[in-house]
Amino acid sequence: MITVKKELDETDKKILRGFSNGKTAKEISASIQISPHTISMRLREMKKYYVCKNIAQLILKCQGEL
């Protein structure tokens, strides 16, 4: 089985930085000009890819990329 490491794009990094700084999805969406729905979709995909149950686990796993 071939595994490919997914690198976070700049928007994903901004989303995770926002959550790590204690912002809500609504606050993050206003600051980076995307909808809160898009943020939740991106989070869902990142959690699935990195096999995380919550945002805290996701931030810990991606800490080196932020």
PDB file of N, CA and C in Angstrom:
ATOM      1  N   MET A   1       0.846  -1.188   0.000  1.00  0.00           N
ATOM      2  CA  MET A   1       0.000   0.000   0.000  1.00  0.00           C
ATOM      3  C   MET A   1       0.887   1.246   0.000  1.00  0.00           C
ATOM      4  N   ILE A   2       0.592   2.157  -0.864  1.00  0.00           N
ATOM      5  CA  ILE A   2       1.340   3.405  -0.952  1.00  0.00           C
ATOM      6  C   ILE A   2       0.613   4.468  -0.140  1.00  0.00           C
ATOM      7  N   THR A   3       1.344   5.125   0.733  1.00  0.00           N
ATOM      8  CA  THR A   3       0.738   6.214   1.497  1.00  0.00           C
ATOM      9  C   THR A   3       1.378   7.521   1.072  1.00  0.00           C
ATOM     10  N   VAL A   4       0.561   8.498   0.874  1.00  0.00           N
ATOM     11  CA  VAL A   4       1.025   9.814   0.458  1.00  0.00           C
ATOM     12  C   VAL A   4       0.733  10.778   1.603  1.00  0.00           C
ATOM     13  N   LYS A   5       1.764  11.496   2.028  1.00  0.00           N
ATOM     14  CA  LYS A   5       1.560  12.455   3.108  1.00  0.00           C
ATOM     15  C   LYS A   5       0.910  13.708   2.539  1.00  0.00           C
ATOM     16  N   LYS A   6      -0.223  14.038   3.088  1.00  0.00           N
ATOM     17  CA  LYS A   6      -0.936  15.238   2.652  1.00  0.00           C
ATOM     18  C   LYS A   6      -0.362  16.424   3.399  1.00  0.00           C
ATOM     19  N   GLU A   7       0.003  17.438   2.661  1.00  0.00           N
ATOM     20  CA  GLU A   7       0.462  18.658   3.301  1.00  0.00           C
ATOM     21  C   GLU A   7      -0.705  19.622   3.381  1.00  0.00           C
ATOM     22  N   LEU A   8      -0.767  20.339   4.479  1.00  0.00           N
ATOM     23  CA  LEU A   8      -1.833  21.307   4.668  1.00  0.00           C
ATOM     24  C   LEU A   8      -1.614  22.500   3.749  1.00  0.00           C
ATOM     25  N   ASP A   9      -2.681  22.955   3.111  1.00  0.00           N
ATOM     26  CA  ASP A   9      -2.541  24.179   2.328  1.00  0.00           C
ATOM     27  C   ASP A   9      -2.677  25.374   3.266  1.00  0.00           C
ATOM     28  N   GLU A  10      -2.459  26.551   2.740  1.00  0.00           N
ATOM     29  CA  GLU A  10      -2.422  27.749   3.584  1.00  0.00           C
ATOM     30  C   GLU A  10      -3.748  28.002   4.301  1.00  0.00           C
ATOM     31  N   THR A  11      -4.866  27.718   3.635  1.00  0.00           N
ATOM     32  CA  THR A  11      -6.170  27.914   4.267  1.00  0.00           C
ATOM     33  C   THR A  11      -6.361  26.959   5.440  1.00  0.00           C
ATOM     34  N   ASP A  12      -5.963  25.697   5.271  1.00  0.00           N
ATOM     35  CA  ASP A  12      -6.058  24.731   6.362  1.00  0.00           C
ATOM     36  C   ASP A  12      -5.217  25.183   7.550  1.00  0.00           C
ATOM     37  N   LYS A  13      -4.044  25.692   7.276  1.00  0.00           N
ATOM     38  CA  LYS A  13      -3.172  26.178   8.348  1.00  0.00           C
ATOM     39  C   LYS A  13      -3.802  27.355   9.080  1.00  0.00           C
ATOM     40  N   LYS A  14      -4.410  28.272   8.330  1.00  0.00           N
ATOM     41  CA  LYS A  14      -5.064  29.425   8.960  1.00  0.00           C
ATOM     42  C   LYS A  14      -6.220  28.977   9.845  1.00  0.00           C
ATOM     43  N   ILE A  15      -6.970  27.985   9.377  1.00  0.00           N
ATOM     44  CA  ILE A  15      -8.096  27.461  10.164  1.00  0.00           C
ATOM     45  C   ILE A  15      -7.592  26.852  11.465  1.00  0.00           C
ATOM     46  N   LEU A  16      -6.574  26.003  11.383  1.00  0.00           N
ATOM     47  CA  LEU A  16      -6.054  25.357  12.586  1.00  0.00           C
ATOM     48  C   LEU A  16      -5.400  26.352  13.534  1.00  0.00           C
ATOM     49  N   ARG A  17      -4.710  27.351  12.985  1.00  0.00           N
ATOM     50  CA  ARG A  17      -4.123  28.393  13.839  1.00  0.00           C
ATOM     51  C   ARG A  17      -5.215  29.150  14.577  1.00  0.00           C
ATOM     52  N   GLY A  18      -6.308  29.439  13.887  1.00  0.00           N
ATOM     53  CA  GLY A  18      -7.423  30.141  14.514  1.00  0.00           C
ATOM     54  C   GLY A  18      -8.002  29.355  15.676  1.00  0.00           C
ATOM     55  N   PHE A  19      -8.244  28.061  15.452  1.00  0.00           N
ATOM     56  CA  PHE A  19      -8.775  27.231  16.538  1.00  0.00           C
ATOM     57  C   PHE A  19      -7.774  27.098  17.678  1.00  0.00           C
ATOM     58  N   SER A  20      -6.494  27.005  17.352  1.00  0.00           N
ATOM     59  CA  SER A  20      -5.494  26.877  18.424  1.00  0.00           C
ATOM     60  C   SER A  20      -5.380  28.163  19.235  1.00  0.00           C
ATOM     61  N   ASN A  21      -5.785  29.290  18.646  1.00  0.00           N
ATOM     62  CA  ASN A  21      -5.792  30.564  19.366  1.00  0.00           C
ATOM     63  C   ASN A  21      -7.122  30.841  20.056  1.00  0.00           C
ATOM     64  N   GLY A  22      -8.031  29.860  20.042  1.00  0.00           N
ATOM     65  CA  GLY A  22      -9.280  29.985  20.774  1.00  0.00           C
ATOM     66  C   GLY A  22     -10.405  30.680  20.026  1.00  0.00           C
ATOM     67  N   LYS A  23     -10.260  30.866  18.713  1.00  0.00           N
ATOM     68  CA  LYS A  23     -11.320  31.512  17.940  1.00  0.00           C
ATOM     69  C   LYS A  23     -12.398  30.504  17.561  1.00  0.00           C
ATOM     70  N   THR A  24     -13.585  31.012  17.297  1.00  0.00           N
ATOM     71  CA  THR A  24     -14.680  30.164  16.838  1.00  0.00           C
ATOM     72  C   THR A  24     -14.642  30.073  15.316  1.00  0.00           C
ATOM     73  N   ALA A  25     -15.396  29.127  14.773  1.00  0.00           N
ATOM     74  CA  ALA A  25     -15.456  28.973  13.319  1.00  0.00           C
ATOM     75  C   ALA A  25     -15.981  30.250  12.661  1.00  0.00           C
ATOM     76  N   LYS A  26     -16.917  30.891  13.319  1.00  0.00           N
ATOM     77  CA  LYS A  26     -17.483  32.125  12.773  1.00  0.00           C
ATOM     78  C   LYS A  26     -16.431  33.239  12.717  1.00  0.00           C
ATOM     79  N   GLU A  27     -15.634  33.353  13.765  1.00  0.00           N
ATOM     80  CA  GLU A  27     -14.577  34.369  13.789  1.00  0.00           C
ATOM     81  C   GLU A  27     -13.501  34.081  12.744  1.00  0.00           C
ATOM     82  N   ILE A  28     -13.144  32.813  12.612  1.00  0.00           N
ATOM     83  CA  ILE A  28     -12.141  32.432  11.617  1.00  0.00           C
ATOM     84  C   ILE A  28     -12.669  32.699  10.215  1.00  0.00           C
ATOM     85  N   SER A  29     -13.912  32.344   9.970  1.00  0.00           N
ATOM     86  CA  SER A  29     -14.484  32.539   8.633  1.00  0.00           C
ATOM     87  C   SER A  29     -14.519  34.012   8.250  1.00  0.00           C
ATOM     88  N   ALA A  30     -14.795  34.873   9.207  1.00  0.00           N
ATOM     89  CA  ALA A  30     -14.809  36.306   8.923  1.00  0.00           C
ATOM     90  C   ALA A  30     -13.410  36.824   8.613  1.00  0.00           C
ATOM     91  N   SER A  31     -12.422  36.286   9.298  1.00  0.00           N
ATOM     92  CA  SER A  31     -11.060  36.799   9.095  1.00  0.00           C
ATOM     93  C   SER A  31     -10.422  36.306   7.804  1.00  0.00           C
ATOM     94  N   ILE A  32     -10.791  35.113   7.330  1.00  0.00           N
ATOM     95  CA  ILE A  32     -10.169  34.616   6.095  1.00  0.00           C
ATOM     96  C   ILE A  32     -11.135  34.566   4.912  1.00  0.00           C
ATOM     97  N   GLN A  33     -12.306  35.124   5.102  1.00  0.00           N
ATOM     98  CA  GLN A  33     -13.277  35.300   4.010  1.00  0.00           C
ATOM     99  C   GLN A  33     -13.760  34.004   3.371  1.00  0.00           C
ATOM    100  N   ILE A  34     -14.070  32.994   4.201  1.00  0.00           N
ATOM    101  CA  ILE A  34     -14.741  31.795   3.704  1.00  0.00           C
ATOM    102  C   ILE A  34     -15.902  31.509   4.648  1.00  0.00           C
ATOM    103  N   SER A  35     -16.837  30.703   4.211  1.00  0.00           N
ATOM    104  CA  SER A  35     -18.023  30.463   5.025  1.00  0.00           C
ATOM    105  C   SER A  35     -17.720  29.491   6.178  1.00  0.00           C
ATOM    106  N   PRO A  36     -18.481  29.595   7.262  1.00  0.00           N
ATOM    107  CA  PRO A  36     -18.311  28.646   8.364  1.00  0.00           C
ATOM    108  C   PRO A  36     -18.564  27.200   7.924  1.00  0.00           C
ATOM    109  N   HIS A  37     -19.438  27.017   6.954  1.00  0.00           N
ATOM    110  CA  HIS A  37     -19.709  25.685   6.420  1.00  0.00           C
ATOM    111  C   HIS A  37     -18.457  25.104   5.761  1.00  0.00           C
ATOM    112  N   THR A  38     -17.737  25.929   5.025  1.00  0.00           N
ATOM    113  CA  THR A  38     -16.493  25.481   4.383  1.00  0.00           C
ATOM    114  C   THR A  38     -15.473  25.079   5.440  1.00  0.00           C
ATOM    115  N   ILE A  39     -15.415  25.832   6.520  1.00  0.00           N
ATOM    116  CA  ILE A  39     -14.495  25.493   7.608  1.00  0.00           C
ATOM    117  C   ILE A  39     -14.852  24.134   8.193  1.00  0.00           C
ATOM    118  N   SER A  40     -16.126  23.890   8.438  1.00  0.00           N
ATOM    119  CA  SER A  40     -16.518  22.599   9.014  1.00  0.00           C
ATOM    120  C   SER A  40     -16.233  21.452   8.046  1.00  0.00           C
ATOM    121  N   MET A  41     -16.418  21.674   6.750  1.00  0.00           N
ATOM    122  CA  MET A  41     -16.108  20.640   5.761  1.00  0.00           C
ATOM    123  C   MET A  41     -14.614  20.336   5.740  1.00  0.00           C
ATOM    124  N   ARG A  42     -13.791  21.391   5.751  1.00  0.00           N
ATOM    125  CA  ARG A  42     -12.339  21.199   5.749  1.00  0.00           C
ATOM    126  C   ARG A  42     -11.874  20.485   7.011  1.00  0.00           C
ATOM    127  N   LEU A  43     -12.446  20.850   8.159  1.00  0.00           N
ATOM    128  CA  LEU A  43     -12.095  20.182   9.410  1.00  0.00           C
ATOM    129  C   LEU A  43     -12.454  18.706   9.359  1.00  0.00           C
ATOM    130  N   ARG A  44     -13.636  18.412   8.857  1.00  0.00           N
ATOM    131  CA  ARG A  44     -14.078  17.026   8.759  1.00  0.00           C
ATOM    132  C   ARG A  44     -13.101  16.204   7.905  1.00  0.00           C
ATOM    133  N   GLU A  45     -12.674  16.765   6.771  1.00  0.00           N
ATOM    134  CA  GLU A  45     -11.740  16.064   5.893  1.00  0.00           C
ATOM    135  C   GLU A  45     -10.369  15.900   6.542  1.00  0.00           C
ATOM    136  N   MET A  46      -9.891  16.947   7.227  1.00  0.00           N
ATOM    137  CA  MET A  46      -8.590  16.847   7.899  1.00  0.00           C
ATOM    138  C   MET A  46      -8.635  15.820   9.016  1.00  0.00           C
ATOM    139  N   LYS A  47      -9.730  15.808   9.808  1.00  0.00           N
ATOM    140  CA  LYS A  47      -9.853  14.841  10.893  1.00  0.00           C
ATOM    141  C   LYS A  47      -9.893  13.416  10.347  1.00  0.00           C
ATOM    142  N   LYS A  48     -10.576  13.226   9.222  1.00  0.00           N
ATOM    143  CA  LYS A  48     -10.652  11.906   8.612  1.00  0.00           C
ATOM    144  C   LYS A  48      -9.267  11.472   8.114  1.00  0.00           C
ATOM    145  N   TYR A  49      -8.548  12.373   7.455  1.00  0.00           N
ATOM    146  CA  TYR A  49      -7.235  12.037   6.895  1.00  0.00           C
ATOM    147  C   TYR A  49      -6.222  11.734   7.995  1.00  0.00           C
ATOM    148  N   TYR A  50      -6.190  12.567   9.027  1.00  0.00           N
ATOM    149  CA  TYR A  50      -5.224  12.399  10.107  1.00  0.00           C
ATOM    150  C   TYR A  50      -5.723  11.490  11.229  1.00  0.00           C
ATOM    151  N   VAL A  51      -6.907  10.899  11.062  1.00  0.00           N
ATOM    152  CA  VAL A  51      -7.525   9.972  12.012  1.00  0.00           C
ATOM    153  C   VAL A  51      -7.574  10.601  13.409  1.00  0.00           C
ATOM    154  N   CYS A  52      -8.335  11.672  13.507  1.00  0.00           N
ATOM    155  CA  CYS A  52      -8.516  12.392  14.771  1.00  0.00           C
ATOM    156  C   CYS A  52      -9.998  12.456  15.102  1.00  0.00           C
ATOM    157  N   LYS A  53     -10.304  12.439  16.385  1.00  0.00           N
ATOM    158  CA  LYS A  53     -11.688  12.519  16.814  1.00  0.00           C
ATOM    159  C   LYS A  53     -12.137  13.943  17.088  1.00  0.00           C
ATOM    160  N   ASN A  54     -11.168  14.842  17.334  1.00  0.00           N
ATOM    161  CA  ASN A  54     -11.550  16.214  17.642  1.00  0.00           C
ATOM    162  C   ASN A  54     -10.472  17.190  17.175  1.00  0.00           C
ATOM    163  N   ILE A  55     -10.767  18.459  17.301  1.00  0.00           N
ATOM    164  CA  ILE A  55      -9.864  19.497  16.816  1.00  0.00           C
ATOM    165  C   ILE A  55      -8.561  19.513  17.608  1.00  0.00           C
ATOM    166  N   ALA A  56      -8.634  19.249  18.908  1.00  0.00           N
ATOM    167  CA  ALA A  56      -7.426  19.254  19.736  1.00  0.00           C
ATOM    168  C   ALA A  56      -6.419  18.209  19.247  1.00  0.00           C
ATOM    169  N   GLN A  57      -6.887  17.016  18.956  1.00  0.00           N
ATOM    170  CA  GLN A  57      -5.998  15.968  18.420  1.00  0.00           C
ATOM    171  C   GLN A  57      -5.422  16.387  17.080  1.00  0.00           C
ATOM    172  N   LEU A  58      -6.243  16.990  16.247  1.00  0.00           N
ATOM    173  CA  LEU A  58      -5.803  17.419  14.927  1.00  0.00           C
ATOM    174  C   LEU A  58      -4.700  18.488  15.052  1.00  0.00           C
ATOM    175  N   ILE A  59      -4.885  19.428  15.934  1.00  0.00           N
ATOM    176  CA  ILE A  59      -3.885  20.480  16.131  1.00  0.00           C
ATOM    177  C   ILE A  59      -2.564  19.866  16.616  1.00  0.00           C
ATOM    178  N   LEU A  60      -2.644  18.910  17.538  1.00  0.00           N
ATOM    179  CA  LEU A  60      -1.423  18.259  18.033  1.00  0.00           C
ATOM    180  C   LEU A  60      -0.691  17.506  16.920  1.00  0.00           C
ATOM    181  N   LYS A  61      -1.440  16.797  16.072  1.00  0.00           N
ATOM    182  CA  LYS A  61      -0.815  16.047  14.999  1.00  0.00           C
ATOM    183  C   LYS A  61      -0.196  16.950  13.937  1.00  0.00           C
ATOM    184  N   CYS A  62      -0.788  18.115  13.732  1.00  0.00           N
ATOM    185  CA  CYS A  62      -0.326  19.018  12.670  1.00  0.00           C
ATOM    186  C   CYS A  62       0.556  20.136  13.208  1.00  0.00           C
ATOM    187  N   GLN A  63       0.918  20.077  14.461  1.00  0.00           N
ATOM    188  CA  GLN A  63       1.656  21.162  15.100  1.00  0.00           C
ATOM    189  C   GLN A  63       2.941  21.524  14.363  1.00  0.00           C
ATOM    190  N   GLY A  64       3.641  20.558  13.839  1.00  0.00           N
ATOM    191  CA  GLY A  64       4.887  20.823  13.112  1.00  0.00           C
ATOM    192  C   GLY A  64       4.688  21.584  11.815  1.00  0.00           C
ATOM    193  N   GLU A  65       3.504  21.475  11.215  1.00  0.00           N
ATOM    194  CA  GLU A  65       3.219  22.143   9.947  1.00  0.00           C
ATOM    195  C   GLU A  65       2.679  23.551  10.122  1.00  0.00           C
ATOM    196  N   LEU A  66       2.219  23.881  11.324  1.00  0.00           N
ATOM    197  CA  LEU A  66       1.646  25.193  11.558  1.00  0.00           C
ATOM    198  C   LEU A  66       2.770  26.146  11.805  1.00  0.00           C
TER     199      LEU A  66
END
